[in-house]
Amino acid sequence: MIVSSTLASIWSVLLIGIDRFFYIVHALKYQQLLNPCRARWLILCTWILGLTIGFMPAMGWKGWTNGGKYCWFIRLAPHGLVLLTGALGCLPIIIITVLYMIILYQALHKIMQLQKCDHEASIRHIPKDDNNPNTMRIFRGGQSSKESKEDNRKQRSPKKSRAIMVVLLTTGSFIVTWIPYFIASTMYVFCEKKATNENTCKSLRLAIASPLAILGFLNSLLNPLIYAWWHKGFRTFVFTKILFRKRSQNHTNLRKRLNRKTTTSSNSSANTTASSTCTSTQSRPTSRKISSRMSEGPYIVDNEDTRL
C-alpha cells in the first residue's frame, strides 16, 4: 500500500503540472484539452498504475524475504520491480521539471512584454519638455501618468520573483525529496548483484529503508502547502468557510437575540402607550364633571344670596 500511494501521489503531482501547463501555455484550448471527464479518467489511471505496481509482490513477483522476516520493499521486491518502480518515479519528476521550466519561461516572457508596453506607453504620453507652456500634464488619482507607470513596473517586479519562487518550490521539493530515494534504490540493485557478502550493501539498505523513505514521504506533507496554500482562492475559502464559520454563526445568533429584544421592547412600549391613552381618555370626563360642578356652585350661592 505504501508503494501504491507513493506512485499515485507522484503521478497526481504530474497531472497538476500538466493542468497548469495547458492552462498557461494553451489557454484558448484548455477547455477542449482537459475537461472534467478526462481529468477523472486520468486520476483513475494513476491509482490503477500505483495499485498494480504496489501489489506485484502479492501476485507472486517477489524476492527473497527470509521466510517472511523482511518486509522492506527493496528486499520484498525483485530487482526488476525495484528498477521499474524507480523508472516510474523518476519519469514524472523529469516531465514536471521540463513543464515548469516552460511555464516559467512563458510567465517571465509575458511579464517582460507588459513592462515593455508600459515603457512604450509612458514614452508616448509623457512630454519631453515639461517647461513648454503648450503641454499639459495628466493626473490620475493625485499622481501623474509617469508616476503611475513607474508604480506599475514596481508592482510587476514582485510578480516575477513570486513566479520564480513558486517554480523553484514545486520542482525543488519534488527533486530533493524523491530523487535520493530512487537513485539509492538503483544503486542498491547493482550493488547487490556485484556483492559477495550480505553486509556489503547493508548501509545503503538501511538508508533506503528509513531516512530516505521518510524524506520521500515528506513530499506528501509539502504538497498541500505548496500547491494549495499558495492558491489565493484556497486561502480565501479556508478563511471564510472554515475558520470564520463559527464567528459568523455567533454573529447571526447575536443578531437574532438583539432582534428579539427589540421586538419585545417595542411591543412593551406599545402596550404602555396604549394603556396610558386609555387612562387619559377615562380621566378626562370626570374632570369635566368636577369642573362643571365647581362652576355651578357659585351661581347657586349667588342666587341664594340674592333671594335673601
Protein backbone atom coordinates (compact mmCIF):
# COMPACT_ATOMS: atom_id res chain seq x y z
CA MET A 1 0.00 0.00 0.00
CA ILE A 2 2.90 2.38 0.69
CA VAL A 3 4.31 1.90 -2.81
CA SER A 4 0.85 2.27 -4.36
CA SER A 5 0.05 5.51 -2.55
CA THR A 6 3.54 6.85 -3.26
CA LEU A 7 3.29 6.28 -7.01
CA ALA A 8 -0.27 7.65 -7.06
CA SER A 9 0.92 10.79 -5.25
CA ILE A 10 3.84 11.31 -7.64
CA TRP A 11 1.70 10.88 -10.74
CA SER A 12 -1.01 13.13 -9.27
CA VAL A 13 1.59 15.88 -8.95
CA LEU A 14 2.43 15.27 -12.60
CA LEU A 15 -1.24 15.73 -13.50
CA ILE A 16 -1.27 19.05 -11.64
CA GLY A 17 1.77 20.16 -13.63
CA ILE A 18 0.12 19.14 -16.92
CA ASP A 19 -3.02 21.04 -15.93
CA ARG A 20 -1.05 24.20 -15.22
CA PHE A 21 0.93 23.81 -18.43
CA PHE A 22 -2.16 23.69 -20.62
CA TYR A 23 -3.84 26.48 -18.63
CA ILE A 24 -0.92 28.88 -19.05
CA VAL A 25 0.63 27.92 -22.39
CA HIS A 26 -2.51 26.78 -24.26
CA ALA A 27 -5.16 28.85 -22.53
CA LEU A 28 -7.51 29.02 -25.52
CA LYS A 29 -7.63 25.24 -25.94
CA TYR A 30 -7.68 24.45 -22.22
CA GLN A 31 -11.40 23.62 -22.03
CA GLN A 32 -11.13 21.33 -25.05
CA LEU A 33 -8.00 19.50 -23.94
CA LEU A 34 -8.84 18.99 -20.26
CA ASN A 35 -12.49 18.60 -19.40
CA PRO A 36 -13.79 17.13 -16.09
CA CYS A 37 -14.39 13.70 -17.64
CA ARG A 38 -10.80 13.40 -18.86
CA ALA A 39 -9.50 14.62 -15.52
CA ARG A 40 -11.42 11.87 -13.70
CA TRP A 41 -10.09 9.21 -16.07
CA LEU A 42 -6.51 10.42 -15.64
CA ILE A 43 -6.80 10.35 -11.84
CA LEU A 44 -8.27 6.85 -12.04
CA CYS A 45 -5.39 5.71 -14.26
CA THR A 46 -2.81 6.97 -11.76
CA TRP A 47 -4.38 4.93 -8.97
CA ILE A 48 -4.66 1.85 -11.18
CA LEU A 49 -0.96 2.16 -12.04
CA GLY A 50 0.01 2.61 -8.40
CA LEU A 51 -2.09 -0.32 -7.18
CA THR A 52 -0.75 -2.58 -9.95
CA ILE A 53 2.90 -1.88 -9.11
CA GLY A 54 2.31 -1.98 -5.37
CA PHE A 55 0.57 -5.36 -5.37
CA MET A 56 3.03 -7.07 -7.73
CA PRO A 57 4.81 -8.87 -4.85
CA ALA A 58 1.46 -10.14 -3.56
CA MET A 59 0.72 -11.54 -7.04
CA GLY A 60 3.89 -13.64 -7.00
CA TRP A 61 6.63 -11.36 -8.33
CA LYS A 62 8.70 -11.11 -5.16
CA GLY A 63 12.24 -11.55 -4.00
CA TRP A 64 13.94 -13.28 -1.10
CA THR A 65 12.34 -12.35 2.25
CA ASN A 66 14.00 -14.98 4.50
CA GLY A 67 10.75 -16.73 5.25
CA GLY A 68 8.72 -13.53 5.60
CA LYS A 69 11.09 -11.85 8.08
CA TYR A 70 11.86 -8.92 5.77
CA CYS A 71 9.08 -6.57 4.72
CA TRP A 72 11.20 -3.82 3.17
CA PHE A 73 10.33 -3.04 -0.40
CA ILE A 74 13.89 -3.42 -1.65
CA ARG A 75 14.07 -6.90 -0.09
CA LEU A 76 10.49 -7.89 -0.80
CA ALA A 77 10.52 -6.80 -4.45
CA PRO A 78 12.84 -8.36 -7.02
CA HIS A 79 15.48 -6.29 -8.75
CA GLY A 80 13.39 -5.80 -11.87
CA LEU A 81 10.45 -4.45 -9.89
CA VAL A 82 12.73 -2.07 -7.97
CA LEU A 83 14.13 -0.70 -11.24
CA LEU A 84 10.62 -0.41 -12.71
CA THR A 85 9.42 1.49 -9.64
CA GLY A 86 12.42 3.81 -9.82
CA ALA A 87 11.79 4.49 -13.51
CA LEU A 88 8.09 5.18 -12.91
CA GLY A 89 9.07 7.52 -10.08
CA CYS A 90 11.79 9.43 -11.93
CA LEU A 91 9.81 9.86 -15.16
CA PRO A 92 7.19 12.23 -13.62
CA ILE A 93 9.96 14.23 -11.95
CA ILE A 94 11.71 14.81 -15.28
CA ILE A 95 8.46 15.71 -17.05
CA ILE A 96 7.43 18.10 -14.24
CA THR A 97 10.81 19.84 -14.34
CA VAL A 98 10.55 20.39 -18.10
CA LEU A 99 6.93 21.59 -17.88
CA TYR A 100 7.62 24.07 -15.10
CA MET A 101 10.63 25.44 -16.93
CA ILE A 102 8.37 26.12 -19.92
CA ILE A 103 5.74 27.66 -17.63
CA LEU A 104 8.38 29.88 -16.01
CA TYR A 105 9.66 31.00 -19.42
CA GLN A 106 6.14 31.86 -20.59
CA ALA A 107 5.34 33.74 -17.36
CA LEU A 108 8.55 35.78 -17.47
CA HIS A 109 8.04 36.46 -21.18
CA LYS A 110 4.55 37.85 -20.52
CA ILE A 111 5.82 40.00 -17.66
CA MET A 112 8.57 41.40 -19.89
CA GLN A 113 6.03 42.16 -22.61
CA LEU A 114 3.81 44.03 -20.16
CA GLN A 115 6.76 46.03 -18.87
CA LYS A 116 7.80 46.86 -22.42
CA CYS A 117 4.27 48.02 -23.29
CA ASP A 118 4.15 50.18 -20.16
CA HIS A 119 7.51 51.72 -21.01
CA GLU A 120 6.45 52.50 -24.58
CA ALA A 121 3.16 53.98 -23.38
CA SER A 122 4.96 56.16 -20.84
CA ILE A 123 7.35 57.44 -23.53
CA ARG A 124 4.46 58.30 -25.86
CA HIS A 125 2.28 60.07 -23.30
CA ILE A 126 4.89 61.91 -21.26
CA PRO A 127 6.11 65.16 -22.91
CA LYS A 128 9.82 65.57 -23.37
CA ASP A 129 9.83 69.28 -22.44
CA ASP A 130 7.98 69.90 -19.18
CA ASN A 131 8.58 73.65 -19.39
CA ASN A 132 6.68 74.02 -22.65
CA PRO A 133 3.50 76.04 -21.95
CA ASN A 134 1.62 74.22 -24.70
CA THR A 135 1.98 70.85 -22.96
CA MET A 136 -0.45 69.57 -20.37
CA ARG A 137 0.10 67.01 -17.63
CA ILE A 138 -2.49 64.38 -16.94
CA PHE A 139 -3.10 63.49 -13.31
CA ARG A 140 -4.86 60.29 -12.26
CA GLY A 141 -5.76 59.90 -8.62
CA GLY A 142 -3.37 62.61 -7.50
CA GLN A 143 -0.38 61.19 -9.47
CA SER A 144 0.92 61.86 -12.92
CA SER A 145 0.92 59.21 -15.63
CA LYS A 146 4.70 58.89 -15.35
CA GLU A 147 4.49 58.05 -11.66
CA SER A 148 1.68 55.57 -12.29
CA LYS A 149 3.76 53.72 -14.91
CA GLU A 150 6.67 53.53 -12.51
CA ASP A 151 4.36 52.16 -9.83
CA ASN A 152 3.08 49.51 -12.25
CA ARG A 153 6.62 48.42 -13.02
CA LYS A 154 7.38 48.22 -9.31
CA GLN A 155 4.28 46.13 -8.76
CA ARG A 156 5.18 43.67 -11.51
CA SER A 157 8.71 43.07 -10.24
CA PRO A 158 7.39 41.12 -7.19
CA LYS A 159 5.26 39.04 -9.58
CA LYS A 160 8.41 37.95 -11.39
CA SER A 161 10.12 36.90 -8.17
CA ARG A 162 6.95 35.16 -6.98
CA ALA A 163 6.70 33.15 -10.22
CA ILE A 164 10.33 32.05 -9.88
CA MET A 165 9.78 31.13 -6.23
CA VAL A 166 6.71 29.02 -6.98
CA VAL A 167 8.52 27.08 -9.71
CA LEU A 168 11.56 26.54 -7.50
CA LEU A 169 9.41 25.29 -4.65
CA THR A 170 7.33 22.93 -6.75
CA THR A 171 10.21 21.37 -8.66
CA GLY A 172 12.83 21.71 -5.94
CA SER A 173 10.79 20.00 -3.24
CA PHE A 174 9.95 17.16 -5.61
CA ILE A 175 13.57 16.64 -6.65
CA VAL A 176 15.04 16.93 -3.15
CA THR A 177 12.57 14.54 -1.54
CA TRP A 178 12.29 11.72 -4.11
CA ILE A 179 15.40 11.71 -6.30
CA PRO A 180 17.73 10.47 -3.49
CA TYR A 181 15.42 7.53 -2.78
CA PHE A 182 15.21 6.38 -6.40
CA ILE A 183 18.93 6.86 -7.02
CA ALA A 184 19.79 4.90 -3.88
CA SER A 185 17.38 2.11 -4.87
CA THR A 186 19.02 1.82 -8.29
CA MET A 187 22.48 1.80 -6.72
CA TYR A 188 21.38 -0.90 -4.29
CA VAL A 189 20.23 -3.18 -7.12
CA PHE A 190 23.62 -3.02 -8.87
CA CYS A 191 25.47 -3.20 -5.56
CA GLU A 192 23.69 -6.37 -4.52
CA LYS A 193 24.37 -8.02 -7.87
CA LYS A 194 28.11 -7.48 -7.51
CA ALA A 195 28.28 -8.05 -3.74
CA THR A 196 29.75 -11.29 -2.44
CA ASN A 197 28.81 -10.68 1.17
CA GLU A 198 25.39 -9.80 2.59
CA ASN A 199 26.78 -6.96 4.69
CA THR A 200 28.36 -5.20 1.72
CA CYS A 201 25.27 -3.11 0.91
CA LYS A 202 23.90 -3.01 4.45
CA SER A 203 24.46 0.74 4.98
CA LEU A 204 22.78 1.56 1.68
CA ARG A 205 19.91 -0.77 2.52
CA LEU A 206 19.35 0.87 5.90
CA ALA A 207 19.47 4.35 4.32
CA ILE A 208 16.80 3.36 1.82
CA ALA A 209 14.61 1.73 4.45
CA SER A 210 14.34 4.60 6.94
CA PRO A 211 15.79 8.11 6.29
CA LEU A 212 15.41 8.30 2.52
CA ALA A 213 11.93 6.80 2.64
CA ILE A 214 10.86 9.32 5.31
CA LEU A 215 12.33 12.12 3.17
CA GLY A 216 10.23 10.93 0.25
CA PHE A 217 7.09 10.75 2.37
CA LEU A 218 7.77 14.32 3.48
CA ASN A 219 6.84 15.42 -0.04
CA SER A 220 3.22 14.46 0.66
CA LEU A 221 3.28 16.93 3.56
CA LEU A 222 4.81 19.71 1.47
CA ASN A 223 2.45 19.34 -1.49
CA PRO A 224 -0.64 20.79 0.27
CA LEU A 225 1.41 23.74 1.48
CA ILE A 226 2.89 24.45 -1.96
CA TYR A 227 0.01 23.70 -4.31
CA ALA A 228 -2.97 24.64 -2.15
CA TRP A 229 -1.81 27.30 0.28
CA TRP A 230 -0.20 29.40 -2.46
CA HIS A 231 -3.52 29.43 -4.27
CA LYS A 232 -5.44 32.60 -3.38
CA GLY A 233 -8.85 31.02 -3.87
CA PHE A 234 -7.97 28.20 -1.50
CA ARG A 235 -6.80 30.63 1.19
CA THR A 236 -9.96 32.70 0.95
CA PHE A 237 -12.07 29.54 1.12
CA VAL A 238 -10.23 28.38 4.26
CA PHE A 239 -10.55 31.75 5.98
CA THR A 240 -14.17 32.44 5.03
CA LYS A 241 -15.74 28.98 5.12
CA ILE A 242 -13.80 27.12 7.81
CA LEU A 243 -12.07 29.48 10.23
CA PHE A 244 -14.70 32.24 10.35
CA ARG A 245 -17.72 29.97 10.12
CA LYS A 246 -18.16 29.83 13.88
CA ARG A 247 -17.79 33.58 14.17
CA SER A 248 -20.44 34.15 11.55
CA GLN A 249 -22.77 31.76 13.35
CA ASN A 250 -22.18 33.61 16.61
CA HIS A 251 -22.89 36.92 14.86
CA THR A 252 -26.14 35.58 13.43
CA ASN A 253 -27.23 34.24 16.83
CA LEU A 254 -26.40 37.57 18.43
CA ARG A 255 -28.39 39.41 15.78
CA LYS A 256 -31.36 37.14 16.34
CA ARG A 257 -31.21 37.81 20.07
CA LEU A 258 -30.98 41.54 19.52
CA ASN A 259 -33.92 41.41 17.11
CA ARG A 260 -35.95 39.52 19.68
CA LYS A 261 -35.10 42.05 22.37
CA THR A 262 -36.02 44.95 20.13
CA THR A 263 -39.34 43.36 19.17
CA THR A 264 -40.23 42.64 22.80
CA SER A 265 -39.24 46.15 23.88
CA SER A 266 -41.27 47.67 21.05
CA ASN A 267 -44.28 45.56 21.99
CA SER A 268 -43.99 46.53 25.66
CA SER A 269 -43.67 50.21 24.75
CA ALA A 270 -46.71 49.92 22.51
CA ASN A 271 -48.69 48.34 25.35
CA THR A 272 -47.65 51.06 27.79
CA THR A 273 -48.64 53.80 25.36
CA ALA A 274 -51.98 52.13 24.74
CA SER A 275 -52.69 51.84 28.48
CA SER A 276 -51.68 55.46 29.05
CA THR A 277 -54.02 56.63 26.31
CA CYS A 278 -56.85 54.60 27.81
CA THR A 279 -56.32 56.08 31.27
CA SER A 280 -56.12 59.59 29.86
CA THR A 281 -59.41 59.16 27.97
CA GLN A 282 -61.12 57.82 31.10
CA SER A 283 -59.84 60.63 33.31
CA ARG A 284 -60.94 63.45 31.03
CA PRO A 285 -64.81 63.17 31.51
CA THR A 286 -64.52 63.09 35.28
CA SER A 287 -62.51 66.25 35.25
CA ARG A 288 -65.16 67.90 33.10
CA LYS A 289 -67.88 66.90 35.58
CA ILE A 290 -65.93 68.20 38.51
CA SER A 291 -65.22 71.46 36.74
CA SER A 292 -68.89 71.83 35.75
CA ARG A 293 -69.99 71.22 39.31
CA MET A 294 -67.50 73.68 40.64
CA SER A 295 -68.64 76.20 38.06
CA GLU A 296 -72.25 75.69 39.03
CA GLY A 297 -71.58 76.17 42.74
CA PRO A 298 -71.02 79.91 42.86
CA TYR A 299 -74.08 80.65 40.77
CA ILE A 300 -76.21 78.68 43.19
CA VAL A 301 -74.78 80.56 46.15
CA ASP A 302 -75.20 83.85 44.40
CA ASN A 303 -78.80 83.08 43.62
CA GLU A 304 -79.46 82.12 47.20
CA ASP A 305 -77.87 85.35 48.40
CA THR A 306 -79.98 87.43 46.04
CA ARG A 307 -83.12 85.72 47.18
CA LEU A 308 -82.32 86.52 50.79
